[in-house]
Amino acid sequence: MINILRAPETLKIPWLDVFNQSYIYPEHLPNILAKYNLSLKALLALRKNSTDAFEPYGRKIIYKDHRIEVMLACWSYQAMALPHNHGNSKGLIWFVQGDFTEQHYIFNHNHLQKITQAFYYQENSVVRISENEIHSCCPDSTGLSLHIYSPPITNMKVWDEENKQTLTVAPECGAWVPENKNLILSEVKW
C-alpha cells in the first residue's frame, strides 16, 4: 500500500469500499464520505494549487494503492482540462466546490469530435467515468473536485487538438500537455 498523504482523514477511509458502494449510485458518494468525517474543510486544507500557467488544476494524490487512486484537483479560474481518458480505469468525480461543465468526445478517423452537448453539473454533483471514455471538464469559475479511480490510472491519453496529436502521459501527469517531456510516454500525430 502506498499512502501518499499522512492526513488522518484520508487514511481512515476504506477507499475501495467507498468506491464500490458509490459506483452504481454516484450521488451517494458525498454521504458515504461524510460518515468518515471527510469534510470540505479537510479537503480544502489538502488542496494543491496549480503551479504552472499551462496546468488547469493542481493535482494532489491523497491516497493510492494497487487497487485505488484518490486525487484532489484544485481548479484555476475557468481552466479547461484537455480531452482525455483514464486508460483502463473507471472512476467517480465529485465536484466538491464550484459548478462544472463536462464535454464528451469520440476519436475516430484521426478526428476528435464532440458526441453530446456539454453537461452542466452544480456543486456537490458526482459523475461516473467509464473505462476509455474521453471527456474534458471546466469550472465556471474556480473549483475543487475529488477523483477516485480503480485501478489507479495508467496509460492515460490526452488529445492535443492544437498540435494534432494524442499523448500517452505518465501517471503523475494531469489532463494537459506537460512541459516536462519526460512525462510523455508516447505521442501519435494525426
N, C-alpha and C. Protein backbone atom coordinates (compact mmCIF):
# COMPACT_ATOMS: atom_id res chain seq x y z
N MET A 1 0.85 -1.17 0.00
CA MET A 1 0.00 0.00 0.00
C MET A 1 0.89 1.24 0.00
N ILE A 2 0.53 2.20 -0.83
CA ILE A 2 1.25 3.46 -0.89
C ILE A 2 0.35 4.51 -0.28
N ASN A 3 0.69 5.00 0.88
CA ASN A 3 -0.09 6.07 1.50
C ASN A 3 0.59 7.38 1.15
N ILE A 4 0.04 8.10 0.20
CA ILE A 4 0.65 9.31 -0.32
C ILE A 4 0.60 10.44 0.69
N LEU A 5 -0.48 10.55 1.40
CA LEU A 5 -0.67 11.66 2.31
C LEU A 5 -0.80 11.12 3.72
N ARG A 6 -0.25 11.80 4.66
CA ARG A 6 -0.27 11.36 6.04
C ARG A 6 -1.45 11.96 6.82
N ALA A 7 -2.39 12.57 6.13
CA ALA A 7 -3.53 13.18 6.81
C ALA A 7 -4.43 12.10 7.39
N PRO A 8 -4.73 12.17 8.66
CA PRO A 8 -5.56 11.15 9.30
C PRO A 8 -6.92 10.99 8.63
N GLU A 9 -7.48 12.06 8.08
CA GLU A 9 -8.80 12.00 7.47
C GLU A 9 -8.84 11.02 6.30
N THR A 10 -7.75 10.95 5.54
CA THR A 10 -7.76 10.11 4.35
C THR A 10 -7.32 8.68 4.65
N LEU A 11 -6.51 8.48 5.65
CA LEU A 11 -6.01 7.15 5.95
C LEU A 11 -7.04 6.26 6.61
N LYS A 12 -8.02 6.84 7.25
CA LYS A 12 -9.05 6.06 7.94
C LYS A 12 -10.16 5.61 7.00
N ILE A 13 -10.13 6.07 5.79
CA ILE A 13 -11.22 5.79 4.85
C ILE A 13 -10.89 4.53 4.05
N PRO A 14 -11.79 3.55 4.03
CA PRO A 14 -11.59 2.36 3.19
C PRO A 14 -11.98 2.70 1.74
N TRP A 15 -11.07 3.33 1.02
CA TRP A 15 -11.38 3.93 -0.27
C TRP A 15 -11.97 2.95 -1.27
N LEU A 16 -11.46 1.73 -1.33
CA LEU A 16 -12.01 0.78 -2.29
C LEU A 16 -13.47 0.44 -1.96
N ASP A 17 -13.76 0.28 -0.69
CA ASP A 17 -15.15 0.03 -0.28
C ASP A 17 -16.05 1.21 -0.63
N VAL A 18 -15.55 2.41 -0.38
CA VAL A 18 -16.32 3.62 -0.71
C VAL A 18 -16.60 3.66 -2.21
N PHE A 19 -15.58 3.37 -3.00
CA PHE A 19 -15.73 3.37 -4.46
C PHE A 19 -16.77 2.33 -4.89
N ASN A 20 -16.63 1.12 -4.38
CA ASN A 20 -17.56 0.05 -4.77
C ASN A 20 -19.00 0.36 -4.35
N GLN A 21 -19.18 0.99 -3.20
CA GLN A 21 -20.52 1.36 -2.74
C GLN A 21 -21.12 2.48 -3.58
N SER A 22 -20.27 3.34 -4.12
CA SER A 22 -20.74 4.54 -4.81
C SER A 22 -20.83 4.42 -6.32
N TYR A 23 -20.16 3.45 -6.90
CA TYR A 23 -20.07 3.42 -8.36
C TYR A 23 -21.44 3.23 -9.02
N ILE A 24 -22.28 2.39 -8.46
CA ILE A 24 -23.60 2.17 -9.04
C ILE A 24 -24.50 3.38 -8.82
N TYR A 25 -24.40 3.99 -7.64
CA TYR A 25 -25.20 5.18 -7.31
C TYR A 25 -24.24 6.31 -6.91
N PRO A 26 -23.65 6.98 -7.91
CA PRO A 26 -22.64 8.01 -7.62
C PRO A 26 -23.11 9.11 -6.68
N GLU A 27 -24.40 9.44 -6.73
CA GLU A 27 -24.91 10.54 -5.89
C GLU A 27 -24.77 10.23 -4.40
N HIS A 28 -24.49 8.98 -4.03
CA HIS A 28 -24.33 8.62 -2.62
C HIS A 28 -22.94 8.90 -2.09
N LEU A 29 -21.97 9.18 -2.98
CA LEU A 29 -20.58 9.37 -2.55
C LEU A 29 -20.41 10.42 -1.45
N PRO A 30 -20.95 11.64 -1.57
CA PRO A 30 -20.75 12.63 -0.50
C PRO A 30 -21.26 12.15 0.86
N ASN A 31 -22.40 11.48 0.87
CA ASN A 31 -22.95 10.99 2.15
C ASN A 31 -22.10 9.86 2.73
N ILE A 32 -21.60 9.00 1.88
CA ILE A 32 -20.73 7.91 2.36
C ILE A 32 -19.45 8.49 2.95
N LEU A 33 -18.85 9.46 2.27
CA LEU A 33 -17.62 10.07 2.79
C LEU A 33 -17.88 10.88 4.06
N ALA A 34 -19.07 11.45 4.18
CA ALA A 34 -19.42 12.19 5.40
C ALA A 34 -19.40 11.28 6.62
N LYS A 35 -19.73 10.00 6.43
CA LYS A 35 -19.68 9.04 7.54
C LYS A 35 -18.27 8.86 8.08
N TYR A 36 -17.27 9.16 7.23
CA TYR A 36 -15.87 9.08 7.64
C TYR A 36 -15.30 10.44 8.02
N ASN A 37 -16.19 11.41 8.18
CA ASN A 37 -15.82 12.77 8.59
C ASN A 37 -14.87 13.46 7.62
N LEU A 38 -14.99 13.14 6.33
CA LEU A 38 -14.19 13.85 5.34
C LEU A 38 -14.98 15.09 4.96
N SER A 39 -14.60 16.20 5.53
CA SER A 39 -15.34 17.45 5.37
C SER A 39 -14.74 18.33 4.28
N LEU A 40 -15.50 19.32 3.86
CA LEU A 40 -15.00 20.31 2.92
C LEU A 40 -13.77 21.01 3.49
N LYS A 41 -13.80 21.31 4.77
CA LYS A 41 -12.66 21.98 5.42
C LYS A 41 -11.40 21.11 5.31
N ALA A 42 -11.53 19.81 5.52
CA ALA A 42 -10.38 18.91 5.41
C ALA A 42 -9.87 18.86 3.97
N LEU A 43 -10.79 18.80 3.01
CA LEU A 43 -10.37 18.77 1.61
C LEU A 43 -9.70 20.07 1.19
N LEU A 44 -10.23 21.19 1.65
CA LEU A 44 -9.62 22.48 1.32
C LEU A 44 -8.20 22.57 1.89
N ALA A 45 -8.00 21.99 3.06
CA ALA A 45 -6.67 22.00 3.67
C ALA A 45 -5.68 21.14 2.89
N LEU A 46 -6.17 20.15 2.17
CA LEU A 46 -5.31 19.23 1.43
C LEU A 46 -5.00 19.69 0.01
N ARG A 47 -5.75 20.67 -0.49
CA ARG A 47 -5.63 21.04 -1.90
C ARG A 47 -4.24 21.57 -2.24
N LYS A 48 -3.92 21.43 -3.51
CA LYS A 48 -2.66 21.95 -4.05
C LYS A 48 -3.02 22.81 -5.25
N ASN A 49 -2.66 24.07 -5.21
CA ASN A 49 -2.95 24.96 -6.33
C ASN A 49 -2.04 24.63 -7.50
N SER A 50 -2.50 24.95 -8.70
CA SER A 50 -1.69 24.77 -9.89
C SER A 50 -0.45 25.66 -9.79
N THR A 51 0.68 25.10 -10.16
CA THR A 51 1.93 25.86 -10.06
C THR A 51 2.38 26.44 -11.39
N ASP A 52 1.80 25.97 -12.48
CA ASP A 52 2.17 26.45 -13.81
C ASP A 52 0.95 26.92 -14.56
N ALA A 53 1.12 27.94 -15.37
CA ALA A 53 0.00 28.53 -16.11
C ALA A 53 -0.65 27.54 -17.07
N PHE A 54 0.12 26.57 -17.59
CA PHE A 54 -0.44 25.62 -18.56
C PHE A 54 -1.22 24.49 -17.90
N GLU A 55 -1.15 24.36 -16.58
CA GLU A 55 -1.89 23.31 -15.87
C GLU A 55 -3.24 23.87 -15.42
N PRO A 56 -4.35 23.27 -15.86
CA PRO A 56 -5.67 23.79 -15.47
C PRO A 56 -6.00 23.57 -14.00
N TYR A 57 -5.33 22.63 -13.38
CA TYR A 57 -5.61 22.34 -11.97
C TYR A 57 -4.36 21.80 -11.28
N GLY A 58 -4.30 22.06 -9.98
CA GLY A 58 -3.26 21.46 -9.16
C GLY A 58 -3.71 20.07 -8.77
N ARG A 59 -2.84 19.08 -8.91
CA ARG A 59 -3.14 17.68 -8.63
C ARG A 59 -2.49 17.26 -7.34
N LYS A 60 -3.28 16.63 -6.47
CA LYS A 60 -2.71 16.09 -5.24
C LYS A 60 -3.28 14.70 -5.02
N ILE A 61 -2.42 13.71 -5.08
CA ILE A 61 -2.83 12.33 -4.79
C ILE A 61 -2.93 12.25 -3.27
N ILE A 62 -4.12 11.92 -2.78
CA ILE A 62 -4.28 11.84 -1.33
C ILE A 62 -4.30 10.40 -0.82
N TYR A 63 -4.46 9.45 -1.75
CA TYR A 63 -4.35 8.04 -1.36
C TYR A 63 -4.14 7.22 -2.63
N LYS A 64 -3.28 6.20 -2.53
CA LYS A 64 -3.08 5.30 -3.67
C LYS A 64 -2.52 3.98 -3.17
N ASP A 65 -3.10 2.91 -3.68
CA ASP A 65 -2.52 1.59 -3.51
C ASP A 65 -2.70 0.86 -4.84
N HIS A 66 -2.49 -0.43 -4.90
CA HIS A 66 -2.55 -1.13 -6.18
C HIS A 66 -3.98 -1.29 -6.72
N ARG A 67 -5.00 -0.95 -5.93
CA ARG A 67 -6.39 -1.11 -6.36
C ARG A 67 -7.13 0.20 -6.58
N ILE A 68 -6.65 1.28 -5.98
CA ILE A 68 -7.44 2.52 -5.98
C ILE A 68 -6.51 3.74 -5.95
N GLU A 69 -6.97 4.82 -6.56
CA GLU A 69 -6.24 6.09 -6.54
C GLU A 69 -7.24 7.19 -6.25
N VAL A 70 -6.89 8.08 -5.33
CA VAL A 70 -7.76 9.19 -4.95
C VAL A 70 -6.97 10.48 -5.16
N MET A 71 -7.50 11.36 -5.99
CA MET A 71 -6.81 12.59 -6.35
C MET A 71 -7.73 13.77 -6.11
N LEU A 72 -7.16 14.84 -5.58
CA LEU A 72 -7.88 16.08 -5.36
C LEU A 72 -7.38 17.09 -6.39
N ALA A 73 -8.30 17.71 -7.13
CA ALA A 73 -7.95 18.71 -8.15
C ALA A 73 -8.45 20.08 -7.70
N CYS A 74 -7.54 21.03 -7.66
CA CYS A 74 -7.87 22.41 -7.33
C CYS A 74 -7.77 23.21 -8.63
N TRP A 75 -8.93 23.60 -9.17
CA TRP A 75 -9.03 24.19 -10.50
C TRP A 75 -8.80 25.69 -10.50
N SER A 76 -8.02 26.15 -11.47
CA SER A 76 -7.81 27.58 -11.69
C SER A 76 -9.05 28.16 -12.36
N TYR A 77 -9.13 29.47 -12.39
CA TYR A 77 -10.30 30.17 -12.91
C TYR A 77 -10.61 29.77 -14.36
N GLN A 78 -11.76 29.16 -14.58
CA GLN A 78 -12.25 28.74 -15.90
C GLN A 78 -11.21 27.99 -16.72
N ALA A 79 -10.36 27.23 -16.06
CA ALA A 79 -9.31 26.47 -16.75
C ALA A 79 -9.86 25.12 -17.19
N MET A 80 -9.75 24.82 -18.47
CA MET A 80 -10.31 23.59 -19.01
C MET A 80 -9.24 22.52 -19.18
N ALA A 81 -9.56 21.32 -18.72
CA ALA A 81 -8.69 20.18 -18.97
C ALA A 81 -8.80 19.83 -20.45
N LEU A 82 -7.71 19.35 -21.02
CA LEU A 82 -7.78 18.88 -22.41
C LEU A 82 -8.60 17.60 -22.46
N PRO A 83 -9.17 17.29 -23.62
CA PRO A 83 -9.86 16.00 -23.74
C PRO A 83 -8.89 14.87 -23.37
N HIS A 84 -9.38 13.93 -22.56
CA HIS A 84 -8.51 12.85 -22.07
C HIS A 84 -9.36 11.65 -21.67
N ASN A 85 -8.69 10.52 -21.53
CA ASN A 85 -9.36 9.37 -20.96
C ASN A 85 -8.64 9.00 -19.67
N HIS A 86 -9.01 7.89 -19.08
CA HIS A 86 -8.38 7.45 -17.84
C HIS A 86 -7.83 6.05 -18.01
N GLY A 87 -7.37 5.76 -19.25
CA GLY A 87 -6.84 4.43 -19.54
C GLY A 87 -7.91 3.38 -19.30
N ASN A 88 -7.53 2.31 -18.63
CA ASN A 88 -8.47 1.22 -18.34
C ASN A 88 -9.12 1.36 -16.99
N SER A 89 -9.05 2.53 -16.41
CA SER A 89 -9.64 2.76 -15.09
C SER A 89 -11.06 3.30 -15.22
N LYS A 90 -11.90 2.94 -14.28
CA LYS A 90 -13.21 3.58 -14.17
C LYS A 90 -13.16 4.46 -12.94
N GLY A 91 -14.07 5.40 -12.85
CA GLY A 91 -13.95 6.32 -11.73
C GLY A 91 -15.20 7.10 -11.40
N LEU A 92 -15.02 7.93 -10.38
CA LEU A 92 -16.04 8.85 -9.91
C LEU A 92 -15.39 10.22 -9.75
N ILE A 93 -16.12 11.25 -10.13
CA ILE A 93 -15.66 12.62 -9.89
C ILE A 93 -16.74 13.34 -9.09
N TRP A 94 -16.33 13.82 -7.93
CA TRP A 94 -17.23 14.60 -7.07
C TRP A 94 -16.83 16.06 -7.21
N PHE A 95 -17.72 16.87 -7.76
CA PHE A 95 -17.48 18.31 -7.90
C PHE A 95 -17.80 18.95 -6.55
N VAL A 96 -16.81 18.98 -5.70
CA VAL A 96 -16.96 19.37 -4.30
C VAL A 96 -17.31 20.84 -4.16
N GLN A 97 -16.60 21.67 -4.91
CA GLN A 97 -16.80 23.11 -4.79
C GLN A 97 -16.80 23.73 -6.18
N GLY A 98 -17.82 24.50 -6.49
CA GLY A 98 -17.94 25.13 -7.79
C GLY A 98 -18.80 24.32 -8.74
N ASP A 99 -19.33 24.99 -9.76
CA ASP A 99 -20.11 24.35 -10.81
C ASP A 99 -19.18 24.04 -11.98
N PHE A 100 -19.45 22.94 -12.69
CA PHE A 100 -18.57 22.47 -13.76
C PHE A 100 -19.36 22.14 -15.01
N THR A 101 -18.67 22.21 -16.14
CA THR A 101 -19.19 21.74 -17.42
C THR A 101 -18.31 20.57 -17.85
N GLU A 102 -18.95 19.51 -18.32
CA GLU A 102 -18.24 18.33 -18.82
C GLU A 102 -18.66 18.09 -20.26
N GLN A 103 -17.67 17.82 -21.11
CA GLN A 103 -17.91 17.55 -22.53
C GLN A 103 -17.36 16.16 -22.86
N HIS A 104 -18.12 15.36 -23.60
CA HIS A 104 -17.69 14.03 -24.04
C HIS A 104 -17.29 14.08 -25.51
N TYR A 105 -16.33 13.20 -25.87
CA TYR A 105 -15.78 13.17 -27.22
C TYR A 105 -15.66 11.73 -27.70
N ILE A 106 -15.45 11.62 -29.01
CA ILE A 106 -15.05 10.36 -29.63
C ILE A 106 -13.91 10.70 -30.58
N PHE A 107 -12.93 9.80 -30.64
CA PHE A 107 -11.81 9.98 -31.57
C PHE A 107 -11.96 8.91 -32.63
N ASN A 108 -12.19 9.36 -33.87
CA ASN A 108 -12.46 8.43 -34.96
C ASN A 108 -11.84 8.99 -36.24
N HIS A 109 -11.15 8.16 -36.98
CA HIS A 109 -10.54 8.55 -38.25
C HIS A 109 -9.69 9.82 -38.10
N ASN A 110 -8.83 9.81 -37.07
CA ASN A 110 -7.93 10.93 -36.82
C ASN A 110 -8.65 12.26 -36.61
N HIS A 111 -9.83 12.17 -36.01
CA HIS A 111 -10.60 13.39 -35.76
C HIS A 111 -11.27 13.28 -34.39
N LEU A 112 -11.09 14.30 -33.57
CA LEU A 112 -11.72 14.36 -32.27
C LEU A 112 -13.01 15.17 -32.41
N GLN A 113 -14.12 14.57 -32.04
CA GLN A 113 -15.38 15.31 -32.16
C GLN A 113 -16.22 15.17 -30.91
N LYS A 114 -16.97 16.21 -30.62
CA LYS A 114 -17.91 16.20 -29.50
C LYS A 114 -19.05 15.25 -29.87
N ILE A 115 -19.45 14.42 -28.91
CA ILE A 115 -20.51 13.46 -29.22
C ILE A 115 -21.84 13.79 -28.54
N THR A 116 -21.82 14.72 -27.64
CA THR A 116 -23.05 15.14 -26.97
C THR A 116 -22.95 16.63 -26.70
N GLN A 117 -24.05 17.21 -26.31
CA GLN A 117 -23.97 18.57 -25.80
C GLN A 117 -23.28 18.49 -24.44
N ALA A 118 -22.69 19.58 -24.04
CA ALA A 118 -22.00 19.61 -22.75
C ALA A 118 -23.00 19.40 -21.62
N PHE A 119 -22.53 18.75 -20.56
CA PHE A 119 -23.33 18.55 -19.36
C PHE A 119 -22.91 19.58 -18.33
N TYR A 120 -23.88 20.13 -17.63
CA TYR A 120 -23.62 21.13 -16.59
C TYR A 120 -23.89 20.48 -15.24
N TYR A 121 -22.91 20.56 -14.35
CA TYR A 121 -23.04 19.98 -13.01
C TYR A 121 -22.90 21.05 -11.95
N GLN A 122 -23.87 21.11 -11.07
CA GLN A 122 -23.80 22.03 -9.96
C GLN A 122 -22.89 21.46 -8.87
N GLU A 123 -22.40 22.37 -8.05
CA GLU A 123 -21.58 21.98 -6.91
C GLU A 123 -22.21 20.81 -6.15
N ASN A 124 -21.40 19.87 -5.75
CA ASN A 124 -21.78 18.68 -4.98
C ASN A 124 -22.30 17.54 -5.86
N SER A 125 -22.29 17.71 -7.18
CA SER A 125 -22.69 16.63 -8.09
C SER A 125 -21.56 15.61 -8.19
N VAL A 126 -21.94 14.37 -8.51
CA VAL A 126 -20.97 13.30 -8.71
C VAL A 126 -21.26 12.65 -10.06
N VAL A 127 -20.21 12.40 -10.84
CA VAL A 127 -20.37 11.73 -12.13
C VAL A 127 -19.53 10.46 -12.16
N ARG A 128 -20.02 9.51 -12.94
CA ARG A 128 -19.32 8.24 -13.12
C ARG A 128 -18.53 8.31 -14.43
N ILE A 129 -17.31 7.78 -14.40
CA ILE A 129 -16.44 7.75 -15.58
C ILE A 129 -16.20 6.29 -15.95
N SER A 130 -16.42 5.95 -17.22
CA SER A 130 -16.20 4.59 -17.71
C SER A 130 -14.79 4.44 -18.26
N GLU A 131 -14.36 3.19 -18.38
CA GLU A 131 -13.05 2.91 -18.96
C GLU A 131 -12.97 3.49 -20.37
N ASN A 132 -11.85 4.11 -20.68
CA ASN A 132 -11.54 4.66 -22.00
C ASN A 132 -12.49 5.75 -22.50
N GLU A 133 -13.37 6.25 -21.66
CA GLU A 133 -14.25 7.37 -22.01
C GLU A 133 -13.39 8.63 -22.18
N ILE A 134 -13.67 9.40 -23.23
CA ILE A 134 -12.93 10.65 -23.47
C ILE A 134 -13.82 11.81 -23.04
N HIS A 135 -13.27 12.67 -22.20
CA HIS A 135 -14.04 13.83 -21.75
C HIS A 135 -13.10 14.97 -21.37
N SER A 136 -13.68 16.12 -21.09
CA SER A 136 -12.95 17.25 -20.52
C SER A 136 -13.88 17.93 -19.53
N CYS A 137 -13.30 18.62 -18.57
CA CYS A 137 -14.07 19.35 -17.56
C CYS A 137 -13.55 20.77 -17.46
N CYS A 138 -14.43 21.67 -17.03
CA CYS A 138 -14.06 23.06 -16.85
C CYS A 138 -14.97 23.68 -15.78
N PRO A 139 -14.37 24.35 -14.79
CA PRO A 139 -15.22 25.01 -13.79
C PRO A 139 -15.77 26.33 -14.33
N ASP A 140 -16.92 26.74 -13.81
CA ASP A 140 -17.48 28.04 -14.19
C ASP A 140 -16.60 29.18 -13.70
N SER A 141 -15.97 28.99 -12.57
CA SER A 141 -15.04 30.00 -12.04
C SER A 141 -13.80 29.24 -11.56
N THR A 142 -13.70 28.99 -10.28
CA THR A 142 -12.67 28.11 -9.74
C THR A 142 -13.39 26.90 -9.18
N GLY A 143 -12.65 25.89 -8.79
CA GLY A 143 -13.34 24.71 -8.28
C GLY A 143 -12.42 23.74 -7.57
N LEU A 144 -13.06 22.77 -6.94
CA LEU A 144 -12.36 21.68 -6.25
C LEU A 144 -13.12 20.40 -6.57
N SER A 145 -12.40 19.38 -7.01
CA SER A 145 -13.04 18.10 -7.33
C SER A 145 -12.22 16.95 -6.78
N LEU A 146 -12.93 15.92 -6.34
CA LEU A 146 -12.30 14.71 -5.80
C LEU A 146 -12.52 13.59 -6.82
N HIS A 147 -11.42 12.93 -7.22
CA HIS A 147 -11.45 11.90 -8.24
C HIS A 147 -11.02 10.58 -7.62
N ILE A 148 -11.82 9.53 -7.84
CA ILE A 148 -11.49 8.20 -7.33
C ILE A 148 -11.47 7.26 -8.53
N TYR A 149 -10.34 6.56 -8.75
CA TYR A 149 -10.19 5.67 -9.89
C TYR A 149 -9.78 4.28 -9.43
N SER A 150 -10.33 3.28 -10.10
CA SER A 150 -9.94 1.91 -9.83
C SER A 150 -9.85 1.16 -11.16
N PRO A 151 -8.72 0.52 -11.42
CA PRO A 151 -7.47 0.61 -10.70
C PRO A 151 -6.83 1.99 -10.90
N PRO A 152 -5.69 2.25 -10.23
CA PRO A 152 -5.02 3.53 -10.44
C PRO A 152 -4.76 3.77 -11.94
N ILE A 153 -4.79 5.01 -12.34
CA ILE A 153 -4.66 5.35 -13.75
C ILE A 153 -3.26 5.05 -14.28
N THR A 154 -3.25 4.34 -15.41
CA THR A 154 -2.03 4.15 -16.21
C THR A 154 -2.45 4.33 -17.67
N ASN A 155 -1.52 4.72 -18.49
CA ASN A 155 -1.76 4.88 -19.94
C ASN A 155 -2.88 5.86 -20.26
N MET A 156 -2.95 6.94 -19.48
CA MET A 156 -3.92 7.98 -19.78
C MET A 156 -3.52 8.69 -21.07
N LYS A 157 -4.49 8.91 -21.93
CA LYS A 157 -4.25 9.62 -23.18
C LYS A 157 -4.85 11.02 -23.09
N VAL A 158 -4.12 11.98 -23.66
CA VAL A 158 -4.54 13.37 -23.74
C VAL A 158 -4.56 13.75 -25.21
N TRP A 159 -5.69 14.29 -25.67
CA TRP A 159 -5.82 14.71 -27.07
C TRP A 159 -5.51 16.19 -27.18
N ASP A 160 -4.45 16.50 -27.91
CA ASP A 160 -3.97 17.86 -28.11
C ASP A 160 -4.42 18.31 -29.49
N GLU A 161 -5.58 18.99 -29.53
CA GLU A 161 -6.14 19.41 -30.82
C GLU A 161 -5.28 20.46 -31.51
N GLU A 162 -4.65 21.31 -30.73
CA GLU A 162 -3.83 22.38 -31.31
C GLU A 162 -2.68 21.81 -32.13
N ASN A 163 -2.02 20.78 -31.62
CA ASN A 163 -0.87 20.18 -32.32
C ASN A 163 -1.22 18.89 -33.04
N LYS A 164 -2.52 18.54 -33.07
CA LYS A 164 -3.00 17.34 -33.75
C LYS A 164 -2.19 16.11 -33.34
N GLN A 165 -2.25 15.82 -32.05
CA GLN A 165 -1.53 14.67 -31.53
C GLN A 165 -2.24 14.09 -30.31
N THR A 166 -2.04 12.79 -30.10
CA THR A 166 -2.54 12.11 -28.92
C THR A 166 -1.33 11.68 -28.11
N LEU A 167 -1.30 12.11 -26.86
CA LEU A 167 -0.18 11.80 -25.97
C LEU A 167 -0.61 10.77 -24.94
N THR A 168 0.24 9.80 -24.68
CA THR A 168 0.06 8.93 -23.53
C THR A 168 1.00 9.50 -22.48
N VAL A 169 0.44 9.83 -21.32
CA VAL A 169 1.22 10.53 -20.29
C VAL A 169 1.46 9.64 -19.08
N ALA A 170 2.49 9.99 -18.34
CA ALA A 170 2.85 9.27 -17.12
C ALA A 170 1.76 9.42 -16.06
N PRO A 171 1.67 8.47 -15.13
CA PRO A 171 0.63 8.53 -14.11
C PRO A 171 0.62 9.81 -13.27
N GLU A 172 1.76 10.47 -13.14
CA GLU A 172 1.81 11.68 -12.32
C GLU A 172 1.42 12.94 -13.09
N CYS A 173 1.00 12.79 -14.34
CA CYS A 173 0.60 13.93 -15.16
C CYS A 173 -0.92 14.06 -15.15
N GLY A 174 -1.39 15.27 -15.31
CA GLY A 174 -2.82 15.52 -15.41
C GLY A 174 -3.26 15.62 -16.85
N ALA A 175 -4.44 16.18 -17.09
CA ALA A 175 -5.05 16.26 -18.42
C ALA A 175 -4.59 17.52 -19.14
N TRP A 176 -3.32 17.56 -19.47
CA TRP A 176 -2.72 18.67 -20.19
C TRP A 176 -1.48 18.17 -20.91
N VAL A 177 -0.91 19.00 -21.78
CA VAL A 177 0.36 18.68 -22.42
C VAL A 177 1.46 19.11 -21.45
N PRO A 178 2.22 18.15 -20.93
CA PRO A 178 3.22 18.53 -19.92
C PRO A 178 4.42 19.26 -20.53
N GLU A 179 4.90 20.25 -19.80
CA GLU A 179 6.14 20.92 -20.22
C GLU A 179 7.32 19.98 -20.08
N ASN A 180 7.30 19.15 -19.05
CA ASN A 180 8.35 18.15 -18.84
C ASN A 180 8.11 17.00 -19.80
N LYS A 181 8.89 16.93 -20.86
CA LYS A 181 8.70 15.92 -21.91
C LYS A 181 8.93 14.50 -21.41
N ASN A 182 9.59 14.34 -20.27
CA ASN A 182 9.77 13.01 -19.68
C ASN A 182 8.44 12.40 -19.23
N LEU A 183 7.42 13.23 -19.07
CA LEU A 183 6.10 12.75 -18.67
C LEU A 183 5.27 12.25 -19.86
N ILE A 184 5.79 12.42 -21.07
CA ILE A 184 5.12 11.92 -22.27
C ILE A 184 5.70 10.55 -22.59
N LEU A 185 4.88 9.52 -22.48
CA LEU A 185 5.33 8.15 -22.72
C LEU A 185 5.31 7.80 -24.20
N SER A 186 4.35 8.37 -24.93
CA SER A 186 4.30 8.19 -26.39
C SER A 186 3.44 9.29 -26.99
N GLU A 187 3.65 9.52 -28.29
CA GLU A 187 2.81 10.51 -28.98
C GLU A 187 2.53 10.01 -30.38
N VAL A 188 1.29 10.25 -30.81
CA VAL A 188 0.85 9.84 -32.13
C VAL A 188 0.27 11.08 -32.81
N LYS A 189 0.83 11.43 -33.97
CA LYS A 189 0.33 12.59 -34.74
C LYS A 189 -0.87 12.16 -35.56
N TRP A 190 -1.79 13.11 -35.81
CA TRP A 190 -2.95 12.84 -36.65
C TRP A 190 -3.30 14.01 -37.52
